[in-house]
Amino acid sequence: MSVAVLYSSEHSAWVRYERPRAIFVARRHEEVPALLAHLEAEVEKGGLHAVGFLAYEAGRAFDPAMPRACCGDFPLAWFGLFESPATISLGPSKPGHALDWVSELDAGAHGRALERIRGYLARGETYQVNFTHRLRARFDMDPWDFFGRFVSRQPSPHAAFLDTADFALCSASPEMFFERDGEEIWSRPMKGTAPRGRWREEDEALARGLAVSEKERAENVMIVDMVRNDLGRICLPGSVHVPELFRAERYPTLWQLTSLVRGRTRESTAQVMAALFPAASITGAPKVRTMSIIEELEISPRRIYTGCIGVISPGRKARFNVAIRTVLVEKSLGMAEYGVGGGIVWDSDPGAEFRETRIKARVLADPEPEFSLLETMRWARGEGIFLLDEHLLRLEESAAYFGFRFDQKALREALLREISAACGMEGVLRLTMDVAGVWSIEHRPLPGPSPCRVSLALSAVDAADPFLFHKTTRRAVYDQARAQVAGVDDVLLWNGRGEVTESTIANLVVELDGELLTPSLACGLLPGTMRARLLQEGRIREDVVLVDDLPRCTRLWLINSVRGWRECVLAGPVPGSA
């Protein structure tokens, strides 16, 4: 039984189509236009929904000048006619194992292909080539379970799932191909990528850098012009416009640069598809010649990758994604395939372009275990919550970073109610908040003063881990560091560059050469609320503190908002000490 699941912007929910009345498949180019026209007629006549896809290689169906590419046994087009869908909830994703993905291209082969592209660019045959390749893995799990984990890793309003007897499609595409509602039609081409930062300021700086990058803007505007031109073929004169240019969109593993192109059309959806397909963002410019170059250089067919998946609905409505971030599961072979690529222009750096394909493949990693944001706050009768504004600001920034819902006003009121109703004169509030913005508050006694002996951790932390910069319930790094060292009260962490970062529960301040220093945030540590206050007041200064500097430090303190300043003694061997 064929099943399709799409995210519906109209319902703001997942919808499930099942038990199709009929299935239509095209395996030859000349069959595709008639199939689309027939589907559209059936949709309007019978109030049905046509859900399915076009493979990238279907492009020649609409323009005989495009290369006669073949995608083997995979259909050029597949659509089912369904009754109205049911709204569903995906629910929590089921655990699974990581797949062993193998690339068909290594960095060397990728670089050699880019050199050939530079030749075409030098001769003026193309201005940009979207060069791609495939990753493959053995696949031995339920495609639906895989899809659940996949979209939890990269939530997207353009995600889609299609399960047939022969294959399954699991798409977490962030890119809209086009959407129409009656005469209104719009497209949001995506061109330009940057990695996510580790904390708010770094993350926002990378987003700003993407939005102002001359290279990324030039590539984006080139694609926008192609989309404007394609829409101009089927839109009413003067109706095509660009209301939004160069918007940086945030996803869990990367930033993407998008623009919005709108117009008005009276043409059928089949005619719209003929004018627009394949999407300009995944071919290059000019489209037809560049597709011939792609056909020459890419070593395997794209099939669903960079095609489109979507639905044609009654009332002249349609919505399709660009099938990137999409896994094709071939059931009979027990194999999965995933495409990655990027736009290549004259000044593209081969190493950077290959690294970008690795960034785009990060979504294939299994999702991190679910976690909550965490804050621990000291309160006292008559004094309120110490550094409440700083705690709420940090929580707000982490919520924005991870995409958690957050109502600061409501939470502030709840915290103040908690301490007004609490017994005793002082204590600690432990707050956890999940992705839906639902919080839980626990009361704990305030820990008393105690001696503090610390030792260096036995292994380095990874300064690239974004979870080091946010206070969450995901604490395995800290728990493991504590478990490896016995006989001390806490452990000092350090990174692969030999830079001290923090302890497992507090920030670090050292006295070195007469100055009070705290390790720099970029070393890989939590931006503590008390640390922030002391930096703001100028009482401490941020700098790199090396493990080798510790023997020269005259005093050490652990600081946090619950215990304040705790002077500590470094136990065990210290590098550089005699």
Foldseek 3Di string as FASTA:
>chain_A
DKKKWAQDPVVNFIWIFDDFPDKDFAQALCVPLVVVVVVLVCQQVPQWKKWWWAWQQSLCSLPVLFDNDHAPPFTRIMITTTHGTDGDHLPQADDDDAWDKDWPDDLVLLVVLLVVVLVCQVVVLFFKFWAKTKIKTQADDDVSSLLNQLCVQWPENGWMWIDDPFKIKRFRFNAWLKKDFAFKIKGKAWAWKDWAALFQVRRVVRLVCRLPPPVRQVLAVQLVVVVLVLVVVFFDPPFKDWPFAFDWDDILTITITITMIMGTGNDAVSVSCSSQPQRSQNGHPPRRSSSVSNVVSYDHGCTLQQIWTWMQGHNRIITIGGRARMWMAGVVVSMIMHMFTHMRGNPDDSVVRVVVRVSSCPSSDGDDPFWWAKDKWKQFVPGGTFLVVLRLVLVVRVCVSNVADADSVVVVVVRVVVVVPDDDGIWMWMWTAGRPRDIDIDTGHQDDDDAFEEEEFPDADALRNSVQAGHMPPQPVQVVSVVVDPDGDWYWHFHPVQWTAQISPFWKWFQAPNATETEAVSRGHYPASVVVVCVVVVRHYYDTHGLLCVVRTPWMWTAHNRPGTHTHHYDDDGPPDD
